[in-house]
Amino acid sequence: TNIGSILASVNPYKPIPGLYSVDAIDLYRQHRLGELPPHIFATANECYCCLWKRHDSQCVLISGESGAGKTESTKLLLKFLSAMSQTSLGAPASETSTHVEEAILES
């Protein structure tokens, strides 16, 4: 759920097909925060928009107990931001994975 610009999420401890797919990235990049159901991609999109449109510095705090999904949430956030940066360069959504993204995610 969203609480303003805060996303409160729960680790389902199982994969949910399509939840973090390229189609989900495309969907959430076309909408503002609050227009679609709460999702980490909506939060990431808000950060991206604020960074480039308003030139405001952004910070995302990911918090939780051990096993809560902090590392996976960080990977998803970076996946979305990487896809957005590649899309802004004119690359198709299906080709948004880059060596830079892979290096960041591996780190």
C-alpha atoms as a PDB file:
ATOM      1  CA  THR A   1       0.000   0.000   0.000  1.00  0.00           C
ATOM      2  CA  ASN A   2       1.037   3.626  -0.433  1.00  0.00           C
ATOM      3  CA  ILE A   3       1.138   6.104   2.413  1.00  0.00           C
ATOM      4  CA  GLY A   4       1.735   9.294   0.465  1.00  0.00           C
ATOM      5  CA  SER A   5       4.999   8.706  -1.333  1.00  0.00           C
ATOM      6  CA  ILE A   6       5.908   5.840   1.014  1.00  0.00           C
ATOM      7  CA  LEU A   7       5.444   2.288  -0.240  1.00  0.00           C
ATOM      8  CA  ALA A   8       4.813  -0.346   2.421  1.00  0.00           C
ATOM      9  CA  SER A   9       5.228  -3.822   0.965  1.00  0.00           C
ATOM     10  CA  VAL A  10       5.356  -7.413   2.180  1.00  0.00           C
ATOM     11  CA  ASN A  11       7.628 -10.135   0.830  1.00  0.00           C
ATOM     12  CA  PRO A  12       5.351 -12.920  -0.504  1.00  0.00           C
ATOM     13  CA  TYR A  13       8.259 -15.415  -0.303  1.00  0.00           C
ATOM     14  CA  LYS A  14       7.262 -16.779  -3.716  1.00  0.00           C
ATOM     15  CA  PRO A  15       7.465 -15.555  -7.307  1.00  0.00           C
ATOM     16  CA  ILE A  16       4.372 -13.850  -8.716  1.00  0.00           C
ATOM     17  CA  PRO A  17       4.398 -14.197 -12.523  1.00  0.00           C
ATOM     18  CA  GLY A  18       4.400 -10.910 -14.429  1.00  0.00           C
ATOM     19  CA  LEU A  19       4.645  -8.699 -11.357  1.00  0.00           C
ATOM     20  CA  TYR A  20       8.089  -7.362 -12.293  1.00  0.00           C
ATOM     21  CA  SER A  21       8.105  -8.014 -16.047  1.00  0.00           C
ATOM     22  CA  VAL A  22       9.012  -5.660 -18.899  1.00  0.00           C
ATOM     23  CA  ASP A  23       5.268  -5.158 -19.413  1.00  0.00           C
ATOM     24  CA  ALA A  24       4.949  -3.978 -15.796  1.00  0.00           C
ATOM     25  CA  ILE A  25       7.822  -1.537 -16.355  1.00  0.00           C
ATOM     26  CA  ASP A  26       6.090  -0.177 -19.466  1.00  0.00           C
ATOM     27  CA  LEU A  27       2.788   0.153 -17.609  1.00  0.00           C
ATOM     28  CA  TYR A  28       4.165   1.988 -14.577  1.00  0.00           C
ATOM     29  CA  ARG A  29       6.415   4.317 -16.587  1.00  0.00           C
ATOM     30  CA  GLN A  30       3.316   5.715 -18.302  1.00  0.00           C
ATOM     31  CA  HIS A  31       1.498   6.647 -15.085  1.00  0.00           C
ATOM     32  CA  ARG A  32       2.088   8.890 -12.095  1.00  0.00           C
ATOM     33  CA  LEU A  33       2.221   7.752  -8.493  1.00  0.00           C
ATOM     34  CA  GLY A  34      -1.277   6.841  -7.275  1.00  0.00           C
ATOM     35  CA  GLU A  35      -2.835   6.253 -10.707  1.00  0.00           C
ATOM     36  CA  LEU A  36      -2.202   2.496 -10.579  1.00  0.00           C
ATOM     37  CA  PRO A  37      -2.078   0.020  -7.683  1.00  0.00           C
ATOM     38  CA  PRO A  38       0.925   0.431  -5.338  1.00  0.00           C
ATOM     39  CA  HIS A  39       4.130  -1.031  -6.792  1.00  0.00           C
ATOM     40  CA  ILE A  40       7.870  -0.501  -6.436  1.00  0.00           C
ATOM     41  CA  PHE A  41       7.934   0.567 -10.101  1.00  0.00           C
ATOM     42  CA  ALA A  42       5.494   3.396  -9.293  1.00  0.00           C
ATOM     43  CA  THR A  43       7.849   4.630  -6.575  1.00  0.00           C
ATOM     44  CA  ALA A  44      10.839   4.316  -8.903  1.00  0.00           C
ATOM     45  CA  ASN A  45       8.994   6.203 -11.639  1.00  0.00           C
ATOM     46  CA  GLU A  46       8.211   9.046  -9.247  1.00  0.00           C
ATOM     47  CA  CYS A  47      11.903   9.300  -8.364  1.00  0.00           C
ATOM     48  CA  TYR A  48      12.897   9.253 -12.013  1.00  0.00           C
ATOM     49  CA  CYS A  49      10.370  11.950 -12.926  1.00  0.00           C
ATOM     50  CA  CYS A  50      11.417  14.195 -10.041  1.00  0.00           C
ATOM     51  CA  LEU A  51      15.066  13.750 -10.930  1.00  0.00           C
ATOM     52  CA  TRP A  52      14.718  14.732 -14.580  1.00  0.00           C
ATOM     53  CA  LYS A  53      11.702  17.035 -14.721  1.00  0.00           C
ATOM     54  CA  ARG A  54      12.247  19.037 -11.533  1.00  0.00           C
ATOM     55  CA  HIS A  55      15.995  18.477 -11.210  1.00  0.00           C
ATOM     56  CA  ASP A  56      15.484  17.429  -7.578  1.00  0.00           C
ATOM     57  CA  SER A  57      17.959  15.026  -5.997  1.00  0.00           C
ATOM     58  CA  GLN A  58      16.349  11.744  -5.007  1.00  0.00           C
ATOM     59  CA  CYS A  59      16.917   9.189  -2.260  1.00  0.00           C
ATOM     60  CA  VAL A  60      15.116   5.891  -1.750  1.00  0.00           C
ATOM     61  CA  LEU A  61      15.222   4.333   1.693  1.00  0.00           C
ATOM     62  CA  ILE A  62      14.575   0.592   1.694  1.00  0.00           C
ATOM     63  CA  SER A  63      14.136  -0.757   5.189  1.00  0.00           C
ATOM     64  CA  GLY A  64      13.072  -4.011   6.798  1.00  0.00           C
ATOM     65  CA  GLU A  65      14.095  -6.986   8.860  1.00  0.00           C
ATOM     66  CA  SER A  66      16.351  -9.789   7.674  1.00  0.00           C
ATOM     67  CA  GLY A  67      14.654 -11.668   4.840  1.00  0.00           C
ATOM     68  CA  ALA A  68      12.131  -8.914   4.193  1.00  0.00           C
ATOM     69  CA  GLY A  69      13.269  -8.438   0.587  1.00  0.00           C
ATOM     70  CA  LYS A  70      15.471  -5.336   0.793  1.00  0.00           C
ATOM     71  CA  THR A  71      18.044  -6.662  -1.671  1.00  0.00           C
ATOM     72  CA  GLU A  72      15.373  -7.780  -4.143  1.00  0.00           C
ATOM     73  CA  SER A  73      13.607  -4.424  -3.823  1.00  0.00           C
ATOM     74  CA  THR A  74      16.873  -2.625  -4.575  1.00  0.00           C
ATOM     75  CA  LYS A  75      17.419  -4.808  -7.649  1.00  0.00           C
ATOM     76  CA  LEU A  76      13.897  -4.069  -8.885  1.00  0.00           C
ATOM     77  CA  LEU A  77      14.332  -0.341  -8.351  1.00  0.00           C
ATOM     78  CA  LEU A  78      17.600  -0.374 -10.291  1.00  0.00           C
ATOM     79  CA  LYS A  79      16.035  -2.516 -13.025  1.00  0.00           C
ATOM     80  CA  PHE A  80      13.289   0.073 -13.493  1.00  0.00           C
ATOM     81  CA  LEU A  81      15.665   3.049 -13.449  1.00  0.00           C
ATOM     82  CA  SER A  82      17.977   1.342 -15.914  1.00  0.00           C
ATOM     83  CA  ALA A  83      15.058   0.571 -18.231  1.00  0.00           C
ATOM     84  CA  MET A  84      13.877   4.179 -18.012  1.00  0.00           C
ATOM     85  CA  SER A  85      17.296   5.555 -18.834  1.00  0.00           C
ATOM     86  CA  GLN A  86      17.611   3.233 -21.844  1.00  0.00           C
ATOM     87  CA  THR A  87      14.085   4.082 -23.031  1.00  0.00           C
ATOM     88  CA  SER A  88      14.898   7.787 -22.846  1.00  0.00           C
ATOM     89  CA  LEU A  89      17.826   7.068 -25.168  1.00  0.00           C
ATOM     90  CA  GLY A  90      15.422   5.539 -27.690  1.00  0.00           C
ATOM     91  CA  ALA A  91      16.067   1.858 -27.027  1.00  0.00           C
ATOM     92  CA  PRO A  92      13.030  -0.441 -27.213  1.00  0.00           C
ATOM     93  CA  ALA A  93      11.749  -1.726 -23.869  1.00  0.00           C
ATOM     94  CA  SER A  94      12.697  -5.280 -24.803  1.00  0.00           C
ATOM     95  CA  GLU A  95      16.358  -4.227 -25.070  1.00  0.00           C
ATOM     96  CA  THR A  96      16.721  -2.299 -21.816  1.00  0.00           C
ATOM     97  CA  SER A  97      19.196  -4.669 -20.191  1.00  0.00           C
ATOM     98  CA  THR A  98      22.713  -3.310 -20.491  1.00  0.00           C
ATOM     99  CA  HIS A  99      26.146  -4.169 -19.209  1.00  0.00           C
ATOM    100  CA  VAL A 100      25.859  -1.206 -16.838  1.00  0.00           C
ATOM    101  CA  GLU A 101      22.612  -2.589 -15.387  1.00  0.00           C
ATOM    102  CA  GLU A 102      24.152  -6.031 -15.013  1.00  0.00           C
ATOM    103  CA  ALA A 103      27.211  -4.604 -13.251  1.00  0.00           C
ATOM    104  CA  ILE A 104      25.078  -2.591 -10.836  1.00  0.00           C
ATOM    105  CA  LEU A 105      22.802  -5.527 -10.062  1.00  0.00           C
ATOM    106  CA  GLU A 106      25.745  -7.861  -9.517  1.00  0.00           C
ATOM    107  CA  SER A 107      27.299  -5.423  -7.070  1.00  0.00           C
END
